[in-house]
């Protein structure tokens, strides 16, 4: 694998890797004019399997939708309840600089003592690095280095969420993802290759900046 971050892979490899890792993945425009890459991942906790986690999350989503429809609670109250159920919530803002990836990975180390399975922890680390580097290299291309990238991770009991907010122009993420899936009928190839190349997962190890060659 090349050590140059400038030698970008073709075909949207960054998006494809994040799609392989995530249970849910989206890239939407926020009300304040930023883009939000959102990724969620469920995992087993204390004997409860992944399907039960997803089922319980779906039931909760359904109940919240009913409450939204009936307007029994305001959105701020619902958000407060969600935050109260959060095991850990961390955030970071950095400049648009690929060299800041080292700081981003150090920030991520705060989660290493939580009861997140090693494989899930490593995959989230990978998705974070891919998403951040995409924001720097593509969303913020030609923007001043002072342009901020906002990072946020929320860990719950059995699932976690990652948000990466950039200040770039609108990007048709869904269309690009469909193009990638249609062009590649082996969706697990890239992630398997990277697993072997990096000799991961292993929680005590931290991914090196040079291991990431990212493209949208």
C-alpha atoms as a PDB file:
ATOM      1  CA  UNK A   1       0.000   0.000   0.000  1.00  0.00           C
ATOM      2  CA  UNK A   2       1.309   3.441  -0.896  1.00  0.00           C
ATOM      3  CA  UNK A   3       2.489   5.771   1.850  1.00  0.00           C
ATOM      4  CA  UNK A   4       1.382   8.925   0.001  1.00  0.00           C
ATOM      5  CA  UNK A   5      -1.982  10.395   0.911  1.00  0.00           C
ATOM      6  CA  UNK A   6      -1.899  12.251  -2.427  1.00  0.00           C
ATOM      7  CA  UNK A   7      -2.103   9.033  -4.447  1.00  0.00           C
ATOM      8  CA  UNK A   8      -5.856   8.694  -4.178  1.00  0.00           C
ATOM      9  CA  UNK A   9      -7.645   5.480  -5.090  1.00  0.00           C
ATOM     10  CA  UNK A  10     -10.249   5.585  -7.832  1.00  0.00           C
ATOM     11  CA  UNK A  11     -13.887   4.501  -7.655  1.00  0.00           C
ATOM     12  CA  UNK A  12     -14.937   5.917  -4.297  1.00  0.00           C
ATOM     13  CA  UNK A  13     -13.044   3.520  -2.070  1.00  0.00           C
ATOM     14  CA  UNK A  14     -13.561   5.672   1.026  1.00  0.00           C
ATOM     15  CA  UNK A  15     -17.350   5.543   0.664  1.00  0.00           C
ATOM     16  CA  UNK A  16     -17.265   1.826  -0.104  1.00  0.00           C
ATOM     17  CA  UNK A  17     -15.272   1.022   3.030  1.00  0.00           C
ATOM     18  CA  UNK A  18     -17.595   3.076   5.218  1.00  0.00           C
ATOM     19  CA  UNK A  19     -20.607   1.393   3.596  1.00  0.00           C
ATOM     20  CA  UNK A  20     -19.122  -2.022   4.411  1.00  0.00           C
ATOM     21  CA  UNK A  21     -18.513  -1.050   8.026  1.00  0.00           C
ATOM     22  CA  UNK A  22     -21.797   0.705   8.853  1.00  0.00           C
ATOM     23  CA  UNK A  23     -25.222  -0.679   9.671  1.00  0.00           C
ATOM     24  CA  UNK A  24     -26.595   2.679   8.488  1.00  0.00           C
ATOM     25  CA  UNK A  25     -24.796   5.392   6.531  1.00  0.00           C
ATOM     26  CA  UNK A  26     -25.955   8.801   5.312  1.00  0.00           C
ATOM     27  CA  UNK A  27     -24.592  12.145   4.124  1.00  0.00           C
ATOM     28  CA  UNK A  28     -27.070  14.989   4.479  1.00  0.00           C
ATOM     29  CA  UNK A  29     -27.196  18.775   4.424  1.00  0.00           C
ATOM     30  CA  UNK A  30     -27.755  20.452   7.797  1.00  0.00           C
ATOM     31  CA  UNK A  31     -29.862  23.527   8.469  1.00  0.00           C
ATOM     32  CA  UNK A  32     -26.726  25.625   9.021  1.00  0.00           C
ATOM     33  CA  UNK A  33     -25.373  24.760   5.554  1.00  0.00           C
ATOM     34  CA  UNK A  34     -22.906  22.033   6.480  1.00  0.00           C
ATOM     35  CA  UNK A  35     -22.742  18.397   5.396  1.00  0.00           C
ATOM     36  CA  UNK A  36     -23.148  15.646   7.992  1.00  0.00           C
ATOM     37  CA  UNK A  37     -21.722  12.186   7.404  1.00  0.00           C
ATOM     38  CA  UNK A  38     -23.600   9.929   9.846  1.00  0.00           C
ATOM     39  CA  UNK A  39     -22.704   6.313  10.567  1.00  0.00           C
ATOM     40  CA  UNK A  40     -24.255   3.901  13.053  1.00  0.00           C
ATOM     41  CA  UNK A  41     -23.011   0.495  14.149  1.00  0.00           C
ATOM     42  CA  UNK A  42     -24.574  -1.999  16.560  1.00  0.00           C
ATOM     43  CA  UNK A  43     -22.663  -4.629  18.525  1.00  0.00           C
ATOM     44  CA  UNK A  44     -23.210  -7.423  21.022  1.00  0.00           C
ATOM     45  CA  UNK A  45     -23.264  -6.468  24.684  1.00  0.00           C
ATOM     46  CA  UNK A  46     -23.543  -8.752  27.708  1.00  0.00           C
ATOM     47  CA  UNK A  47     -24.918 -11.739  25.822  1.00  0.00           C
ATOM     48  CA  UNK A  48     -27.437  -9.794  23.757  1.00  0.00           C
ATOM     49  CA  UNK A  49     -26.962 -10.489  20.059  1.00  0.00           C
ATOM     50  CA  UNK A  50     -26.846  -8.028  17.200  1.00  0.00           C
ATOM     51  CA  UNK A  51     -30.301  -8.869  15.855  1.00  0.00           C
ATOM     52  CA  UNK A  52     -31.830  -8.154  19.264  1.00  0.00           C
ATOM     53  CA  UNK A  53     -30.002  -4.826  19.394  1.00  0.00           C
ATOM     54  CA  UNK A  54     -31.355  -3.847  15.983  1.00  0.00           C
ATOM     55  CA  UNK A  55     -34.863  -5.056  16.870  1.00  0.00           C
ATOM     56  CA  UNK A  56     -34.892  -3.082  20.103  1.00  0.00           C
ATOM     57  CA  UNK A  57     -33.559  -0.009  18.315  1.00  0.00           C
ATOM     58  CA  UNK A  58     -36.292  -0.374  15.677  1.00  0.00           C
ATOM     59  CA  UNK A  59     -38.975  -0.616  18.373  1.00  0.00           C
ATOM     60  CA  UNK A  60     -37.576   2.495  20.044  1.00  0.00           C
ATOM     61  CA  UNK A  61     -37.521   4.325  16.710  1.00  0.00           C
ATOM     62  CA  UNK A  62     -41.167   3.351  16.146  1.00  0.00           C
ATOM     63  CA  UNK A  63     -42.221   4.645  19.542  1.00  0.00           C
ATOM     64  CA  UNK A  64     -40.332   7.879  18.971  1.00  0.00           C
ATOM     65  CA  UNK A  65     -42.056   8.306  15.605  1.00  0.00           C
ATOM     66  CA  UNK A  66     -45.443   7.904  17.296  1.00  0.00           C
ATOM     67  CA  UNK A  67     -44.502  10.462  19.899  1.00  0.00           C
ATOM     68  CA  UNK A  68     -43.369  12.815  17.158  1.00  0.00           C
ATOM     69  CA  UNK A  69     -46.665  12.387  15.316  1.00  0.00           C
ATOM     70  CA  UNK A  70     -48.749  13.001  18.424  1.00  0.00           C
ATOM     71  CA  UNK A  71     -46.457  15.830  19.544  1.00  0.00           C
ATOM     72  CA  UNK A  72     -46.448  14.570  23.146  1.00  0.00           C
ATOM     73  CA  UNK A  73     -42.856  15.660  23.554  1.00  0.00           C
ATOM     74  CA  UNK A  74     -40.846  18.444  22.061  1.00  0.00           C
ATOM     75  CA  UNK A  75     -37.785  17.576  20.016  1.00  0.00           C
ATOM     76  CA  UNK A  76     -35.472  19.072  22.631  1.00  0.00           C
ATOM     77  CA  UNK A  77     -36.940  16.779  25.289  1.00  0.00           C
ATOM     78  CA  UNK A  78     -36.427  13.726  23.087  1.00  0.00           C
ATOM     79  CA  UNK A  79     -32.844  14.733  22.380  1.00  0.00           C
ATOM     80  CA  UNK A  80     -32.241  15.175  26.100  1.00  0.00           C
ATOM     81  CA  UNK A  81     -33.518  11.665  26.807  1.00  0.00           C
ATOM     82  CA  UNK A  82     -31.272  10.271  24.090  1.00  0.00           C
ATOM     83  CA  UNK A  83     -28.235  12.000  25.561  1.00  0.00           C
ATOM     84  CA  UNK A  84     -29.109  10.667  29.018  1.00  0.00           C
ATOM     85  CA  UNK A  85     -28.968   7.102  27.660  1.00  0.00           C
ATOM     86  CA  UNK A  86     -25.538   7.747  26.133  1.00  0.00           C
ATOM     87  CA  UNK A  87     -22.610   5.864  27.706  1.00  0.00           C
ATOM     88  CA  UNK A  88     -20.031   8.303  26.357  1.00  0.00           C
ATOM     89  CA  UNK A  89     -20.173  11.371  24.112  1.00  0.00           C
ATOM     90  CA  UNK A  90     -16.988  12.912  22.726  1.00  0.00           C
ATOM     91  CA  UNK A  91     -16.464  15.711  20.199  1.00  0.00           C
ATOM     92  CA  UNK A  92     -13.547  17.414  18.496  1.00  0.00           C
ATOM     93  CA  UNK A  93     -13.038  20.255  16.023  1.00  0.00           C
ATOM     94  CA  UNK A  94      -9.906  20.449  13.886  1.00  0.00           C
ATOM     95  CA  UNK A  95      -8.694  22.452  10.916  1.00  0.00           C
ATOM     96  CA  UNK A  96      -8.819  21.180   7.357  1.00  0.00           C
ATOM     97  CA  UNK A  97      -5.381  19.618   7.429  1.00  0.00           C
ATOM     98  CA  UNK A  98      -4.585  15.990   6.632  1.00  0.00           C
ATOM     99  CA  UNK A  99      -1.830  16.152   9.268  1.00  0.00           C
ATOM    100  CA  UNK A 100      -4.570  16.577  11.883  1.00  0.00           C
ATOM    101  CA  UNK A 101      -5.440  12.889  11.379  1.00  0.00           C
ATOM    102  CA  UNK A 102      -2.893  11.998  14.057  1.00  0.00           C
ATOM    103  CA  UNK A 103      -4.748  14.210  16.535  1.00  0.00           C
ATOM    104  CA  UNK A 104      -8.078  12.702  15.438  1.00  0.00           C
ATOM    105  CA  UNK A 105      -6.835   9.158  16.073  1.00  0.00           C
ATOM    106  CA  UNK A 106      -5.434  10.170  19.474  1.00  0.00           C
ATOM    107  CA  UNK A 107      -8.827  11.688  20.346  1.00  0.00           C
ATOM    108  CA  UNK A 108     -10.510   8.418  19.372  1.00  0.00           C
ATOM    109  CA  UNK A 109      -8.368   6.547  21.943  1.00  0.00           C
ATOM    110  CA  UNK A 110     -10.758   7.811  24.641  1.00  0.00           C
ATOM    111  CA  UNK A 111     -13.076   4.956  23.689  1.00  0.00           C
ATOM    112  CA  UNK A 112     -10.537   2.157  24.176  1.00  0.00           C
ATOM    113  CA  UNK A 113     -11.610   1.393  27.747  1.00  0.00           C
ATOM    114  CA  UNK A 114     -15.291   0.948  26.894  1.00  0.00           C
ATOM    115  CA  UNK A 115     -16.829  -2.497  26.419  1.00  0.00           C
ATOM    116  CA  UNK A 116     -16.844  -2.203  22.633  1.00  0.00           C
ATOM    117  CA  UNK A 117     -15.761  -5.417  20.844  1.00  0.00           C
ATOM    118  CA  UNK A 118     -12.279  -5.143  19.357  1.00  0.00           C
ATOM    119  CA  UNK A 119     -13.461  -5.633  15.774  1.00  0.00           C
ATOM    120  CA  UNK A 120     -16.163  -2.949  16.085  1.00  0.00           C
ATOM    121  CA  UNK A 121     -13.724  -0.563  17.786  1.00  0.00           C
ATOM    122  CA  UNK A 122     -11.185  -0.985  15.000  1.00  0.00           C
ATOM    123  CA  UNK A 123     -13.781  -0.622  12.220  1.00  0.00           C
ATOM    124  CA  UNK A 124     -15.075   2.599  13.772  1.00  0.00           C
ATOM    125  CA  UNK A 125     -11.507   3.877  13.936  1.00  0.00           C
ATOM    126  CA  UNK A 126     -11.119   3.057  10.255  1.00  0.00           C
ATOM    127  CA  UNK A 127     -14.418   4.742   9.316  1.00  0.00           C
ATOM    128  CA  UNK A 128     -13.423   7.829  11.302  1.00  0.00           C
ATOM    129  CA  UNK A 129     -10.092   8.115   9.496  1.00  0.00           C
ATOM    130  CA  UNK A 130     -11.659   7.521   6.084  1.00  0.00           C
ATOM    131  CA  UNK A 131     -14.463  10.037   6.721  1.00  0.00           C
ATOM    132  CA  UNK A 132     -12.167  12.722   8.098  1.00  0.00           C
ATOM    133  CA  UNK A 133      -9.671  12.381   5.267  1.00  0.00           C
ATOM    134  CA  UNK A 134     -12.461  12.512   2.692  1.00  0.00           C
ATOM    135  CA  UNK A 135     -13.696  15.759   4.223  1.00  0.00           C
ATOM    136  CA  UNK A 136     -10.215  17.282   4.041  1.00  0.00           C
ATOM    137  CA  UNK A 137      -9.265  16.047   0.580  1.00  0.00           C
ATOM    138  CA  UNK A 138     -12.604  16.460  -1.171  1.00  0.00           C
ATOM    139  CA  UNK A 139     -15.331  18.396   0.656  1.00  0.00           C
ATOM    140  CA  UNK A 140     -12.838  21.095   1.675  1.00  0.00           C
ATOM    141  CA  UNK A 141     -10.736  21.065  -1.467  1.00  0.00           C
ATOM    142  CA  UNK A 142      -9.486  24.618  -2.191  1.00  0.00           C
ATOM    143  CA  UNK A 143     -10.945  25.925   1.100  1.00  0.00           C
ATOM    144  CA  UNK A 144      -8.717  27.682   3.692  1.00  0.00           C
ATOM    145  CA  UNK A 145      -6.897  25.429   6.135  1.00  0.00           C
ATOM    146  CA  UNK A 146      -8.784  27.164   8.958  1.00  0.00           C
ATOM    147  CA  UNK A 147     -12.065  25.654   7.703  1.00  0.00           C
ATOM    148  CA  UNK A 148     -13.300  23.439  10.570  1.00  0.00           C
ATOM    149  CA  UNK A 149     -14.140  19.748  10.521  1.00  0.00           C
ATOM    150  CA  UNK A 150     -16.411  18.790  13.429  1.00  0.00           C
ATOM    151  CA  UNK A 151     -16.274  15.229  14.789  1.00  0.00           C
ATOM    152  CA  UNK A 152     -18.683  13.586  17.206  1.00  0.00           C
ATOM    153  CA  UNK A 153     -19.063  10.050  18.565  1.00  0.00           C
ATOM    154  CA  UNK A 154     -21.877   8.850  20.812  1.00  0.00           C
ATOM    155  CA  UNK A 155     -21.676   5.386  22.392  1.00  0.00           C
ATOM    156  CA  UNK A 156     -24.847   3.719  23.671  1.00  0.00           C
ATOM    157  CA  UNK A 157     -25.498   0.328  25.240  1.00  0.00           C
ATOM    158  CA  UNK A 158     -25.218  -1.864  22.161  1.00  0.00           C
ATOM    159  CA  UNK A 159     -24.667   0.647  19.369  1.00  0.00           C
ATOM    160  CA  UNK A 160     -22.691   3.755  18.517  1.00  0.00           C
ATOM    161  CA  UNK A 161     -22.956   6.724  16.173  1.00  0.00           C
ATOM    162  CA  UNK A 162     -20.306   8.735  14.348  1.00  0.00           C
ATOM    163  CA  UNK A 163     -20.864  12.188  12.853  1.00  0.00           C
ATOM    164  CA  UNK A 164     -18.421  14.134  10.685  1.00  0.00           C
ATOM    165  CA  UNK A 165     -19.519  17.635   9.694  1.00  0.00           C
ATOM    166  CA  UNK A 166     -17.825  19.535   6.887  1.00  0.00           C
ATOM    167  CA  UNK A 167     -18.357  22.920   5.226  1.00  0.00           C
ATOM    168  CA  UNK A 168     -18.081  21.796   1.626  1.00  0.00           C
ATOM    169  CA  UNK A 169     -20.598  22.051  -1.230  1.00  0.00           C
ATOM    170  CA  UNK A 170     -23.552  19.684  -1.621  1.00  0.00           C
ATOM    171  CA  UNK A 171     -22.585  16.188  -2.721  1.00  0.00           C
ATOM    172  CA  UNK A 172     -24.931  13.494  -4.056  1.00  0.00           C
ATOM    173  CA  UNK A 173     -23.767  10.784  -1.691  1.00  0.00           C
ATOM    174  CA  UNK A 174     -26.610   8.353  -2.452  1.00  0.00           C
ATOM    175  CA  UNK A 175     -25.962   8.487  -6.194  1.00  0.00           C
ATOM    176  CA  UNK A 176     -22.238   7.883  -5.691  1.00  0.00           C
ATOM    177  CA  UNK A 177     -22.895   4.973  -3.346  1.00  0.00           C
ATOM    178  CA  UNK A 178     -25.306   3.364  -5.826  1.00  0.00           C
ATOM    179  CA  UNK A 179     -22.701   3.774  -8.554  1.00  0.00           C
ATOM    180  CA  UNK A 180     -20.058   2.087  -6.415  1.00  0.00           C
ATOM    181  CA  UNK A 181     -22.309  -0.836  -5.466  1.00  0.00           C
ATOM    182  CA  UNK A 182     -23.385  -1.363  -9.063  1.00  0.00           C
ATOM    183  CA  UNK A 183     -19.771  -1.325 -10.285  1.00  0.00           C
ATOM    184  CA  UNK A 184     -18.443  -3.732  -7.670  1.00  0.00           C
ATOM    185  CA  UNK A 185     -20.257  -6.995  -6.928  1.00  0.00           C
ATOM    186  CA  UNK A 186     -17.719  -7.962  -4.240  1.00  0.00           C
ATOM    187  CA  UNK A 187     -18.601  -5.499  -1.437  1.00  0.00           C
ATOM    188  CA  UNK A 188     -16.320  -7.079   1.172  1.00  0.00           C
ATOM    189  CA  UNK A 189     -13.116  -7.122  -0.882  1.00  0.00           C
ATOM    190  CA  UNK A 190     -11.590  -3.824   0.201  1.00  0.00           C
ATOM    191  CA  UNK A 191     -12.243  -4.353   3.905  1.00  0.00           C
ATOM    192  CA  UNK A 192     -10.828  -7.892   3.833  1.00  0.00           C
ATOM    193  CA  UNK A 193      -7.688  -6.711   2.064  1.00  0.00           C
ATOM    194  CA  UNK A 194      -7.216  -3.902   4.577  1.00  0.00           C
ATOM    195  CA  UNK A 195      -7.737  -6.293   7.508  1.00  0.00           C
ATOM    196  CA  UNK A 196      -4.868  -8.490   6.292  1.00  0.00           C
ATOM    197  CA  UNK A 197      -2.636  -5.582   5.304  1.00  0.00           C
ATOM    198  CA  UNK A 198      -2.954  -3.860   8.676  1.00  0.00           C
ATOM    199  CA  UNK A 199      -2.936  -7.072  10.757  1.00  0.00           C
ATOM    200  CA  UNK A 200      -6.023  -5.856  12.603  1.00  0.00           C
ATOM    201  CA  UNK A 201      -8.149  -5.728  14.682  1.00  0.00           C
ATOM    202  CA  UNK A 202      -6.021  -5.222  17.767  1.00  0.00           C
ATOM    203  CA  UNK A 203      -7.238  -2.552  20.158  1.00  0.00           C
ATOM    204  CA  UNK A 204      -3.880  -1.526  21.666  1.00  0.00           C
ATOM    205  CA  UNK A 205      -2.553  -0.639  18.177  1.00  0.00           C
ATOM    206  CA  UNK A 206      -3.365   2.666  16.528  1.00  0.00           C
ATOM    207  CA  UNK A 207      -3.703   2.989  12.783  1.00  0.00           C
ATOM    208  CA  UNK A 208      -0.953   4.965  11.084  1.00  0.00           C
ATOM    209  CA  UNK A 209      -1.803   8.022   9.001  1.00  0.00           C
ATOM    210  CA  UNK A 210       0.136   6.507   6.082  1.00  0.00           C
ATOM    211  CA  UNK A 211      -2.313   3.558   5.901  1.00  0.00           C
ATOM    212  CA  UNK A 212      -5.111   5.713   4.515  1.00  0.00           C
ATOM    213  CA  UNK A 213      -5.566   6.345   0.795  1.00  0.00           C
ATOM    214  CA  UNK A 214      -9.056   7.752   0.536  1.00  0.00           C
ATOM    215  CA  UNK A 215     -11.255   8.837  -2.349  1.00  0.00           C
ATOM    216  CA  UNK A 216     -14.916   9.688  -2.819  1.00  0.00           C
END
